[in-house]
Protein backbone atom coordinates (compact mmCIF):
# COMPACT_ATOMS: atom_id res chain seq x y z
CA TYR A 1 -21.17 -7.92 17.35
CA THR A 2 -19.28 -5.04 18.94
CA ASP A 3 -20.05 -3.93 22.46
CA LYS A 4 -18.98 -0.85 24.42
CA ASN A 5 -16.10 -2.76 26.04
CA MET A 6 -14.25 -3.15 22.76
CA LYS A 7 -11.46 -0.58 22.20
CA TRP A 8 -10.25 1.31 19.13
CA THR A 9 -7.68 3.92 18.12
CA LYS A 10 -6.79 5.90 15.03
CA SER A 11 -4.89 3.89 12.44
CA HIS A 12 -1.71 4.85 10.61
CA ILE A 13 -3.66 4.14 7.42
CA LEU A 14 -5.17 7.55 6.72
CA GLU A 15 -6.84 6.73 3.38
CA ASN A 16 -7.25 3.68 1.20
CA ASP A 17 -8.98 2.83 -2.02
CA LEU A 18 -8.99 -0.56 -3.71
CA PHE A 19 -8.20 1.00 -7.10
CA TYR A 20 -6.28 4.18 -6.36
CA GLY A 21 -4.01 3.28 -3.46
CA GLU A 22 -3.25 4.01 0.13
CA LYS A 23 -1.92 6.85 2.29
CA GLN A 24 -0.12 6.03 5.54
CA ASP A 25 1.50 8.05 8.33
CA LEU A 26 3.72 5.62 10.23
CA ASN A 27 4.24 8.20 13.00
CA VAL A 28 0.66 7.34 14.10
CA PHE A 29 1.43 3.59 14.23
CA ASP A 30 1.57 2.57 17.91
CA THR A 31 3.70 -0.59 17.83
CA SER A 32 3.14 -1.14 21.56
CA LEU A 33 -0.40 -2.27 20.72
CA LEU A 34 1.08 -5.31 18.96
CA LEU A 35 2.36 -6.70 22.27
CA PRO A 36 0.20 -9.12 24.28
CA ASP A 37 0.54 -7.07 27.50
CA SER A 38 -0.08 -3.65 25.89
CA ASP A 39 -1.90 -0.98 27.88
CA ILE A 40 -5.22 -0.39 26.12
CA SER A 41 -6.65 1.87 28.82
CA LYS A 42 -5.84 4.97 26.73
CA LEU A 43 -7.89 3.71 23.78
CA GLU A 44 -11.44 4.82 22.99
CA ASN A 45 -14.50 2.67 23.69
CA SER A 46 -16.35 1.41 20.65
CA VAL A 47 -19.95 2.11 19.80
CA GLU A 48 -22.25 -0.88 20.22
CA ALA A 49 -23.08 -2.47 16.87
CA PHE A 50 -25.09 -5.56 16.10
CA VAL A 51 -24.37 -8.10 13.39
CA PRO A 52 -26.53 -7.39 10.34
CA GLU A 53 -28.77 -10.14 9.05
CA THR A 54 -27.27 -11.63 5.91
CA ASN A 55 -26.60 -14.87 4.12
CA TYR A 56 -22.95 -15.86 3.99
CA SER A 57 -21.54 -18.38 1.56
CA LEU A 58 -18.17 -20.05 1.41
CA GLN A 59 -15.65 -18.76 -1.09
CA ASP A 60 -15.45 -21.38 -3.83
CA PHE A 61 -12.52 -20.03 -5.85
CA PRO A 62 -8.79 -19.56 -5.17
CA SER A 63 -7.89 -16.57 -3.05
CA ASP A 64 -5.47 -13.81 -4.04
CA LYS A 65 -1.96 -14.46 -2.78
CA VAL A 66 1.67 -13.54 -3.27
CA ILE A 67 2.95 -15.55 -6.24
CA ARG A 68 6.52 -14.27 -6.60
CA THR A 69 8.70 -11.16 -6.43
CA ILE A 70 10.51 -9.11 -9.08
CA LYS A 71 13.61 -6.93 -8.71
CA PRO A 72 12.60 -3.72 -10.58
CA LYS A 73 15.13 -2.06 -12.91
CA LEU A 74 15.81 1.67 -12.93
CA VAL A 75 14.63 3.31 -16.17
CA LYS A 76 15.47 6.95 -15.43
CA ASN A 77 16.28 9.14 -12.44
CA PHE A 78 14.59 12.55 -12.62
CA GLY A 79 16.18 13.93 -9.43
CA ASP A 80 13.24 14.03 -7.00
CA TYR A 81 11.82 10.77 -8.30
CA ALA A 82 12.87 7.84 -10.46
CA VAL A 83 10.97 5.53 -12.81
CA TYR A 84 11.36 1.74 -12.62
CA ASP A 85 10.38 -1.18 -14.87
CA ASN A 86 9.21 -4.59 -13.66
CA GLY A 87 9.68 -6.05 -17.14
CA GLU A 88 6.04 -7.15 -17.45
CA ASN A 89 2.52 -6.05 -16.57
CA ILE A 90 1.55 -7.49 -13.19
CA THR A 91 -0.92 -7.05 -10.39
CA GLY A 92 0.73 -6.38 -7.07
CA TYR A 93 2.57 -3.72 -5.11
CA VAL A 94 6.06 -2.37 -4.47
CA ARG A 95 7.95 -2.81 -1.20
CA VAL A 96 10.08 0.27 -0.48
CA LYS A 97 12.44 1.31 2.30
CA CYS A 98 13.24 4.72 3.76
CA ASP A 99 15.24 4.93 7.00
CA LYS A 100 14.75 8.65 7.67
CA LYS A 101 12.01 10.03 9.94
CA GLY A 102 9.36 12.39 8.59
CA GLU A 103 10.02 11.70 4.91
CA TYR A 104 7.22 11.78 2.36
CA VAL A 105 7.46 8.79 -0.01
CA LYS A 106 5.23 8.55 -3.08
CA LEU A 107 4.79 5.80 -5.66
CA ILE A 108 2.72 6.09 -8.84
CA HIS A 109 1.92 2.94 -10.86
CA ALA A 110 1.08 2.64 -14.57
CA GLU A 111 1.14 0.19 -17.45
CA GLU A 112 3.09 2.48 -19.77
CA ILE A 113 5.73 5.21 -19.91
CA ASP A 114 5.96 7.96 -22.51
CA GLU A 115 8.86 8.85 -24.84
CA ASN A 116 10.58 10.76 -21.99
CA CYS A 117 10.30 7.70 -19.68
CA GLU A 118 7.63 9.45 -17.56
CA ILE A 119 4.75 7.47 -16.07
CA TYR A 120 1.88 7.52 -18.59
CA GLY A 121 -1.72 6.64 -17.86
CA ASP A 122 -3.91 8.38 -20.40
CA ASN A 123 -4.71 4.96 -21.88
CA ILE A 124 -6.93 4.02 -18.93
CA HIS A 125 -10.13 5.68 -17.76
CA LEU A 126 -8.99 5.57 -14.12
CA TRP A 127 -6.11 7.98 -14.80
CA LYS A 128 -8.17 10.94 -13.59
CA LYS A 129 -6.97 9.68 -10.22
CA LYS A 130 -3.67 7.80 -10.28
CA GLN A 131 -2.77 4.45 -8.67
CA CYS A 132 -0.73 6.01 -5.90
CA ASP A 133 0.68 4.88 -2.55
CA GLU A 134 1.96 7.52 -0.11
CA TYR A 135 3.85 7.17 3.16
CA THR A 136 5.13 9.48 5.87
CA THR A 137 8.00 7.65 7.55
CA ASP A 138 8.70 7.20 11.26
CA GLY A 139 12.44 6.49 11.01
CA SER A 140 12.06 2.84 12.01
CA GLY A 141 13.48 1.59 8.70
CA ARG A 142 10.55 -0.77 8.19
CA ILE A 143 9.57 -1.90 4.73
CA LEU A 144 6.68 0.22 3.43
CA VAL A 145 3.76 -1.66 1.86
CA PRO A 146 0.07 -0.96 1.25
CA HIS A 147 -2.28 -3.11 3.34
CA PHE A 148 -5.65 -2.88 1.56
CA THR A 149 -4.83 -2.45 -2.12
CA TYR A 150 -2.71 -3.65 -4.97
CA HIS A 151 -2.26 -2.29 -8.48
CA GLY A 152 -2.13 -3.27 -12.15
CA PHE A 153 1.17 -1.94 -13.57
CA ARG A 154 4.49 -2.55 -15.24
CA TYR A 155 6.17 0.76 -14.42
CA PHE A 156 6.22 2.85 -11.27
CA SER A 157 7.78 6.06 -10.09
CA CYS A 158 9.18 6.42 -6.59
CA THR A 159 10.51 9.47 -4.80
CA THR A 160 14.31 9.18 -4.57
CA ASN A 161 14.30 9.45 -0.77
CA ALA A 162 13.20 5.79 -0.75
CA GLU A 163 14.63 2.63 -2.24
CA PRO A 164 12.42 0.09 -4.02
CA VAL A 165 13.27 -3.29 -2.48
CA GLU A 166 11.11 -5.52 -4.69
CA THR A 167 7.81 -5.75 -6.53
CA VAL A 168 5.38 -8.32 -5.17
CA VAL A 169 3.21 -10.13 -7.73
CA VAL A 170 -0.29 -10.90 -6.42
CA HIS A 171 -3.10 -12.81 -8.12
CA THR A 172 -5.33 -15.83 -7.76
CA ASP A 173 -3.65 -19.19 -8.17
CA LEU A 174 -5.51 -20.32 -11.29
């Protein structure tokens, strides 16, 4: 249940898609809202919404979780972007860092590279829209990660204004 006293504000997560990735603008991220004594008077009031009638059931299988991390290896630097190899196909995401403010950072994920070491995705039907995470930085130096998606990939490209820190492997603990 949400009543009119609940507050909301625009998120720094501008777009997200479980399969295709996430777009974030960290300049919109108001870190003051993370503090217990933050001033929420400037936030918008929510619209009243009632809980829908439904039947819930307990999850009876292992949840997705971080299993381990990989240090990706540089395959080729193309100037504006570079291609990296995790050494194996995984499900997960890449943690990247960019200290500069207002930078556009883009990662594209794929299972294969072509003969020129470019990201290749024609082997999957989803390639019409790439597995892509995009960030606009705020200069805080924080590690950039998607919040609502992860990808299936071995290789990824990253704009050279950012540094890949590590690849995070995510799956169920079966």
